[in-house]
């Protein structure tokens, strides 16, 4: 059995920053921003996704996050 495989990365907004482990994002004005604008980590400024990803997460949210 070959267990040496790579998992596919899930597209979308990264809730937890892969660089520093922070949960916060830098403040943006979604009403004045395009869907293609990048969302940055609140601590280290790593790219966490796009505004479109953030809007999609908000649409499918059930007030519960699974990590």
PDB file of N, CA and C in Angstrom:
ATOM      1  N   UNK A   1       0.848  -1.176   0.000  1.00  0.00           N
ATOM      2  CA  UNK A   1       0.000   0.000   0.000  1.00  0.00           C
ATOM      3  C   UNK A   1       0.893   1.239   0.000  1.00  0.00           C
ATOM      4  N   UNK A   2       0.665   2.119  -0.940  1.00  0.00           N
ATOM      5  CA  UNK A   2       1.477   3.327  -1.075  1.00  0.00           C
ATOM      6  C   UNK A   2       0.744   4.500  -0.435  1.00  0.00           C
ATOM      7  N   UNK A   3       1.236   4.946   0.706  1.00  0.00           N
ATOM      8  CA  UNK A   3       0.613   6.068   1.409  1.00  0.00           C
ATOM      9  C   UNK A   3       1.352   7.374   1.183  1.00  0.00           C
ATOM     10  N   UNK A   4       2.358   7.354   0.323  1.00  0.00           N
ATOM     11  CA  UNK A   4       3.133   8.561   0.044  1.00  0.00           C
ATOM     12  C   UNK A   4       2.460   9.352  -1.073  1.00  0.00           C
ATOM     13  N   UNK A   5       1.505  10.169  -0.714  1.00  0.00           N
ATOM     14  CA  UNK A   5       0.796  10.992  -1.683  1.00  0.00           C
ATOM     15  C   UNK A   5       0.606  12.385  -1.116  1.00  0.00           C
ATOM     16  N   UNK A   6       0.332  13.300  -1.979  1.00  0.00           N
ATOM     17  CA  UNK A   6       0.116  14.688  -1.565  1.00  0.00           C
ATOM     18  C   UNK A   6      -1.375  14.991  -1.586  1.00  0.00           C
ATOM     19  N   UNK A   7      -1.825  15.655  -0.553  1.00  0.00           N
ATOM     20  CA  UNK A   7      -3.216  16.090  -0.497  1.00  0.00           C
ATOM     21  C   UNK A   7      -3.366  17.346  -1.341  1.00  0.00           C
ATOM     22  N   UNK A   8      -4.488  17.461  -1.998  1.00  0.00           N
ATOM     23  CA  UNK A   8      -4.737  18.663  -2.773  1.00  0.00           C
ATOM     24  C   UNK A   8      -5.063  19.811  -1.833  1.00  0.00           C
ATOM     25  N   UNK A   9      -4.529  20.972  -2.160  1.00  0.00           N
ATOM     26  CA  UNK A   9      -4.798  22.161  -1.353  1.00  0.00           C
ATOM     27  C   UNK A   9      -6.204  22.649  -1.645  1.00  0.00           C
ATOM     28  N   UNK A  10      -6.950  22.939  -0.580  1.00  0.00           N
ATOM     29  CA  UNK A  10      -8.297  23.450  -0.748  1.00  0.00           C
ATOM     30  C   UNK A  10      -8.240  24.908  -1.155  1.00  0.00           C
ATOM     31  N   UNK A  11      -8.940  25.256  -2.233  1.00  0.00           N
ATOM     32  CA  UNK A  11      -8.985  26.664  -2.620  1.00  0.00           C
ATOM     33  C   UNK A  11      -9.857  27.446  -1.649  1.00  0.00           C
ATOM     34  N   UNK A  12      -9.719  28.736  -1.678  1.00  0.00           N
ATOM     35  CA  UNK A  12     -10.539  29.579  -0.830  1.00  0.00           C
ATOM     36  C   UNK A  12      -9.727  30.280   0.231  1.00  0.00           C
ATOM     37  N   UNK A  13     -10.422  31.018   1.068  1.00  0.00           N
ATOM     38  CA  UNK A  13      -9.778  31.784   2.120  1.00  0.00           C
ATOM     39  C   UNK A  13      -9.191  30.854   3.170  1.00  0.00           C
ATOM     40  N   UNK A  14      -7.978  31.105   3.550  1.00  0.00           N
ATOM     41  CA  UNK A  14      -7.337  30.331   4.605  1.00  0.00           C
ATOM     42  C   UNK A  14      -7.679  30.991   5.938  1.00  0.00           C
ATOM     43  N   UNK A  15      -8.465  30.299   6.753  1.00  0.00           N
ATOM     44  CA  UNK A  15      -8.911  30.845   8.028  1.00  0.00           C
ATOM     45  C   UNK A  15      -7.716  31.043   8.947  1.00  0.00           C
ATOM     46  N   UNK A  16      -6.818  30.068   8.974  1.00  0.00           N
ATOM     47  CA  UNK A  16      -5.598  30.155   9.778  1.00  0.00           C
ATOM     48  C   UNK A  16      -4.438  30.425   8.839  1.00  0.00           C
ATOM     49  N   UNK A  17      -3.649  31.438   9.132  1.00  0.00           N
ATOM     50  CA  UNK A  17      -2.507  31.795   8.290  1.00  0.00           C
ATOM     51  C   UNK A  17      -1.490  30.655   8.294  1.00  0.00           C
ATOM     52  N   UNK A  18      -1.069  30.234   7.109  1.00  0.00           N
ATOM     53  CA  UNK A  18      -0.095  29.156   6.992  1.00  0.00           C
ATOM     54  C   UNK A  18       1.312  29.603   7.364  1.00  0.00           C
ATOM     55  N   UNK A  19       1.548  30.908   7.379  1.00  0.00           N
ATOM     56  CA  UNK A  19       2.881  31.433   7.692  1.00  0.00           C
ATOM     57  C   UNK A  19       3.100  31.609   9.193  1.00  0.00           C
ATOM     58  N   UNK A  20       2.094  32.169   9.889  1.00  0.00           N
ATOM     59  CA  UNK A  20       2.310  32.501  11.303  1.00  0.00           C
ATOM     60  C   UNK A  20       1.258  31.913  12.253  1.00  0.00           C
ATOM     61  N   UNK A  21       0.200  31.296  11.726  1.00  0.00           N
ATOM     62  CA  UNK A  21      -0.814  30.683  12.570  1.00  0.00           C
ATOM     63  C   UNK A  21      -1.861  31.637  13.113  1.00  0.00           C
ATOM     64  N   UNK A  22      -1.844  32.871  12.680  1.00  0.00           N
ATOM     65  CA  UNK A  22      -2.777  33.886  13.167  1.00  0.00           C
ATOM     66  C   UNK A  22      -4.159  33.698  12.534  1.00  0.00           C
ATOM     67  N   UNK A  23      -5.199  34.141  13.234  1.00  0.00           N
ATOM     68  CA  UNK A  23      -6.559  34.063  12.726  1.00  0.00           C
ATOM     69  C   UNK A  23      -7.061  35.383  12.135  1.00  0.00           C
ATOM     70  N   UNK A  24      -6.407  36.498  12.441  1.00  0.00           N
ATOM     71  CA  UNK A  24      -6.918  37.803  12.013  1.00  0.00           C
ATOM     72  C   UNK A  24      -6.524  38.112  10.576  1.00  0.00           C
ATOM     73  N   UNK A  25      -7.333  38.958   9.940  1.00  0.00           N
ATOM     74  CA  UNK A  25      -7.001  39.469   8.614  1.00  0.00           C
ATOM     75  C   UNK A  25      -6.912  40.983   8.694  1.00  0.00           C
ATOM     76  N   UNK A  26      -6.185  41.568   7.752  1.00  0.00           N
ATOM     77  CA  UNK A  26      -6.052  43.019   7.712  1.00  0.00           C
ATOM     78  C   UNK A  26      -7.394  43.633   7.306  1.00  0.00           C
ATOM     79  N   UNK A  27      -7.756  44.721   7.941  1.00  0.00           N
ATOM     80  CA  UNK A  27      -9.048  45.367   7.694  1.00  0.00           C
ATOM     81  C   UNK A  27      -9.152  45.834   6.242  1.00  0.00           C
ATOM     82  N   UNK A  28     -10.306  45.556   5.620  1.00  0.00           N
ATOM     83  CA  UNK A  28     -10.598  45.996   4.255  1.00  0.00           C
ATOM     84  C   UNK A  28     -12.027  46.508   4.225  1.00  0.00           C
ATOM     85  N   UNK A  29     -12.366  47.233   3.170  1.00  0.00           N
ATOM     86  CA  UNK A  29     -13.738  47.672   2.946  1.00  0.00           C
ATOM     87  C   UNK A  29     -14.284  46.849   1.786  1.00  0.00           C
ATOM     88  N   UNK A  30     -14.982  45.746   2.063  1.00  0.00           N
ATOM     89  CA  UNK A  30     -15.428  44.866   0.990  1.00  0.00           C
ATOM     90  C   UNK A  30     -16.360  45.540  -0.007  1.00  0.00           C
ATOM     91  N   UNK A  31     -17.100  46.548   0.424  1.00  0.00           N
ATOM     92  CA  UNK A  31     -18.016  47.234  -0.481  1.00  0.00           C
ATOM     93  C   UNK A  31     -17.270  48.049  -1.529  1.00  0.00           C
ATOM     94  N   UNK A  32     -16.065  48.488  -1.197  1.00  0.00           N
ATOM     95  CA  UNK A  32     -15.295  49.324  -2.118  1.00  0.00           C
ATOM     96  C   UNK A  32     -14.136  48.561  -2.764  1.00  0.00           C
ATOM     97  N   UNK A  33     -14.175  47.234  -2.689  1.00  0.00           N
ATOM     98  CA  UNK A  33     -13.071  46.412  -3.176  1.00  0.00           C
ATOM     99  C   UNK A  33     -13.592  45.404  -4.191  1.00  0.00           C
ATOM    100  N   UNK A  34     -12.778  45.108  -5.199  1.00  0.00           N
ATOM    101  CA  UNK A  34     -13.178  44.112  -6.199  1.00  0.00           C
ATOM    102  C   UNK A  34     -13.014  42.702  -5.644  1.00  0.00           C
ATOM    103  N   UNK A  35     -13.653  41.744  -6.287  1.00  0.00           N
ATOM    104  CA  UNK A  35     -13.562  40.347  -5.868  1.00  0.00           C
ATOM    105  C   UNK A  35     -12.136  39.796  -5.980  1.00  0.00           C
ATOM    106  N   UNK A  36     -11.336  40.381  -6.854  1.00  0.00           N
ATOM    107  CA  UNK A  36      -9.979  39.873  -7.082  1.00  0.00           C
ATOM    108  C   UNK A  36      -8.942  40.470  -6.129  1.00  0.00           C
ATOM    109  N   UNK A  37      -9.357  41.403  -5.276  1.00  0.00           N
ATOM    110  CA  UNK A  37      -8.417  42.001  -4.321  1.00  0.00           C
ATOM    111  C   UNK A  37      -7.982  40.946  -3.310  1.00  0.00           C
ATOM    112  N   UNK A  38      -6.731  41.001  -2.908  1.00  0.00           N
ATOM    113  CA  UNK A  38      -6.177  40.013  -1.986  1.00  0.00           C
ATOM    114  C   UNK A  38      -6.512  40.360  -0.539  1.00  0.00           C
ATOM    115  N   UNK A  39      -6.702  39.319   0.260  1.00  0.00           N
ATOM    116  CA  UNK A  39      -6.924  39.452   1.698  1.00  0.00           C
ATOM    117  C   UNK A  39      -5.624  39.049   2.377  1.00  0.00           C
ATOM    118  N   UNK A  40      -5.120  39.903   3.266  1.00  0.00           N
ATOM    119  CA  UNK A  40      -3.823  39.694   3.898  1.00  0.00           C
ATOM    120  C   UNK A  40      -3.968  39.353   5.375  1.00  0.00           C
ATOM    121  N   UNK A  41      -3.006  38.604   5.893  1.00  0.00           N
ATOM    122  CA  UNK A  41      -2.943  38.262   7.303  1.00  0.00           C
ATOM    123  C   UNK A  41      -2.772  39.538   8.128  1.00  0.00           C
ATOM    124  N   UNK A  42      -3.423  39.590   9.269  1.00  0.00           N
ATOM    125  CA  UNK A  42      -3.334  40.753  10.144  1.00  0.00           C
ATOM    126  C   UNK A  42      -2.004  40.865  10.867  1.00  0.00           C
ATOM    127  N   UNK A  43      -1.249  39.781  10.954  1.00  0.00           N
ATOM    128  CA  UNK A  43       0.034  39.808  11.653  1.00  0.00           C
ATOM    129  C   UNK A  43       1.220  39.910  10.697  1.00  0.00           C
ATOM    130  N   UNK A  44       1.296  39.008   9.711  1.00  0.00           N
ATOM    131  CA  UNK A  44       2.516  38.927   8.891  1.00  0.00           C
ATOM    132  C   UNK A  44       2.321  39.392   7.447  1.00  0.00           C
ATOM    133  N   UNK A  45       1.113  39.785   7.074  1.00  0.00           N
ATOM    134  CA  UNK A  45       0.791  40.270   5.730  1.00  0.00           C
ATOM    135  C   UNK A  45       0.901  39.224   4.635  1.00  0.00           C
ATOM    136  N   UNK A  46       0.860  37.939   4.977  1.00  0.00           N
ATOM    137  CA  UNK A  46       0.829  36.885   3.961  1.00  0.00           C
ATOM    138  C   UNK A  46      -0.546  36.905   3.286  1.00  0.00           C
ATOM    139  N   UNK A  47      -0.603  36.538   2.019  1.00  0.00           N
ATOM    140  CA  UNK A  47      -1.875  36.480   1.303  1.00  0.00           C
ATOM    141  C   UNK A  47      -2.652  35.270   1.798  1.00  0.00           C
ATOM    142  N   UNK A  48      -3.905  35.499   2.197  1.00  0.00           N
ATOM    143  CA  UNK A  48      -4.744  34.425   2.736  1.00  0.00           C
ATOM    144  C   UNK A  48      -5.849  34.017   1.772  1.00  0.00           C
ATOM    145  N   UNK A  49      -6.062  34.795   0.712  1.00  0.00           N
ATOM    146  CA  UNK A  49      -7.109  34.507  -0.261  1.00  0.00           C
ATOM    147  C   UNK A  49      -7.530  35.800  -0.936  1.00  0.00           C
ATOM    148  N   UNK A  50      -8.734  35.803  -1.481  1.00  0.00           N
ATOM    149  CA  UNK A  50      -9.263  36.995  -2.144  1.00  0.00           C
ATOM    150  C   UNK A  50     -10.558  37.429  -1.471  1.00  0.00           C
ATOM    151  N   UNK A  51     -11.010  38.611  -1.832  1.00  0.00           N
ATOM    152  CA  UNK A  51     -12.284  39.109  -1.308  1.00  0.00           C
ATOM    153  C   UNK A  51     -13.422  38.183  -1.754  1.00  0.00           C
ATOM    154  N   UNK A  52     -13.327  37.637  -2.971  1.00  0.00           N
ATOM    155  CA  UNK A  52     -14.342  36.687  -3.441  1.00  0.00           C
ATOM    156  C   UNK A  52     -14.372  35.456  -2.538  1.00  0.00           C
ATOM    157  N   UNK A  53     -13.203  34.969  -2.106  1.00  0.00           N
ATOM    158  CA  UNK A  53     -13.146  33.836  -1.182  1.00  0.00           C
ATOM    159  C   UNK A  53     -13.805  34.188   0.146  1.00  0.00           C
ATOM    160  N   UNK A  54     -13.552  35.391   0.630  1.00  0.00           N
ATOM    161  CA  UNK A  54     -14.140  35.852   1.890  1.00  0.00           C
ATOM    162  C   UNK A  54     -15.660  35.930   1.780  1.00  0.00           C
ATOM    163  N   UNK A  55     -16.155  36.465   0.661  1.00  0.00           N
ATOM    164  CA  UNK A  55     -17.610  36.547   0.450  1.00  0.00           C
ATOM    165  C   UNK A  55     -18.237  35.159   0.358  1.00  0.00           C
ATOM    166  N   UNK A  56     -17.560  34.231  -0.313  1.00  0.00           N
ATOM    167  CA  UNK A  56     -18.069  32.864  -0.430  1.00  0.00           C
ATOM    168  C   UNK A  56     -18.133  32.190   0.936  1.00  0.00           C
ATOM    169  N   UNK A  57     -17.110  32.385   1.756  1.00  0.00           N
ATOM    170  CA  UNK A  57     -17.114  31.821   3.098  1.00  0.00           C
ATOM    171  C   UNK A  57     -18.276  32.391   3.917  1.00  0.00           C
ATOM    172  N   UNK A  58     -18.545  33.684   3.767  1.00  0.00           N
ATOM    173  CA  UNK A  58     -19.654  34.313   4.491  1.00  0.00           C
ATOM    174  C   UNK A  58     -20.999  33.754   4.027  1.00  0.00           C
ATOM    175  N   UNK A  59     -21.138  33.480   2.729  1.00  0.00           N
ATOM    176  CA  UNK A  59     -22.399  32.936   2.202  1.00  0.00           C
ATOM    177  C   UNK A  59     -22.675  31.532   2.721  1.00  0.00           C
ATOM    178  N   UNK A  60     -21.653  30.713   2.827  1.00  0.00           N
ATOM    179  CA  UNK A  60     -21.874  29.327   3.242  1.00  0.00           C
ATOM    180  C   UNK A  60     -21.730  29.106   4.745  1.00  0.00           C
ATOM    181  N   UNK A  61     -21.443  30.163   5.472  1.00  0.00           N
ATOM    182  CA  UNK A  61     -21.219  30.071   6.916  1.00  0.00           C
ATOM    183  C   UNK A  61     -22.492  29.666   7.640  1.00  0.00           C
ATOM    184  N   UNK A  62     -22.308  28.834   8.663  1.00  0.00           N
ATOM    185  CA  UNK A  62     -23.409  28.442   9.540  1.00  0.00           C
ATOM    186  C   UNK A  62     -23.084  28.821  10.979  1.00  0.00           C
ATOM    187  N   UNK A  63     -22.195  29.794  11.138  1.00  0.00           N
ATOM    188  CA  UNK A  63     -21.734  30.255  12.449  1.00  0.00           C
ATOM    189  C   UNK A  63     -20.899  29.217  13.177  1.00  0.00           C
ATOM    190  N   UNK A  64     -20.478  28.171  12.471  1.00  0.00           N
ATOM    191  CA  UNK A  64     -19.637  27.138  13.062  1.00  0.00           C
ATOM    192  C   UNK A  64     -18.472  26.878  12.112  1.00  0.00           C
ATOM    193  N   UNK A  65     -17.261  26.905  12.631  1.00  0.00           N
ATOM    194  CA  UNK A  65     -16.090  26.597  11.820  1.00  0.00           C
ATOM    195  C   UNK A  65     -15.486  25.291  12.282  1.00  0.00           C
ATOM    196  N   UNK A  66     -15.094  24.473  11.344  1.00  0.00           N
ATOM    197  CA  UNK A  66     -14.401  23.228  11.665  1.00  0.00           C
ATOM    198  C   UNK A  66     -12.960  23.367  11.244  1.00  0.00           C
ATOM    199  N   UNK A  67     -12.048  23.059  12.141  1.00  0.00           N
ATOM    200  CA  UNK A  67     -10.629  23.131  11.831  1.00  0.00           C
ATOM    201  C   UNK A  67     -10.065  21.743  11.741  1.00  0.00           C
TER     202      UNK A  67
END
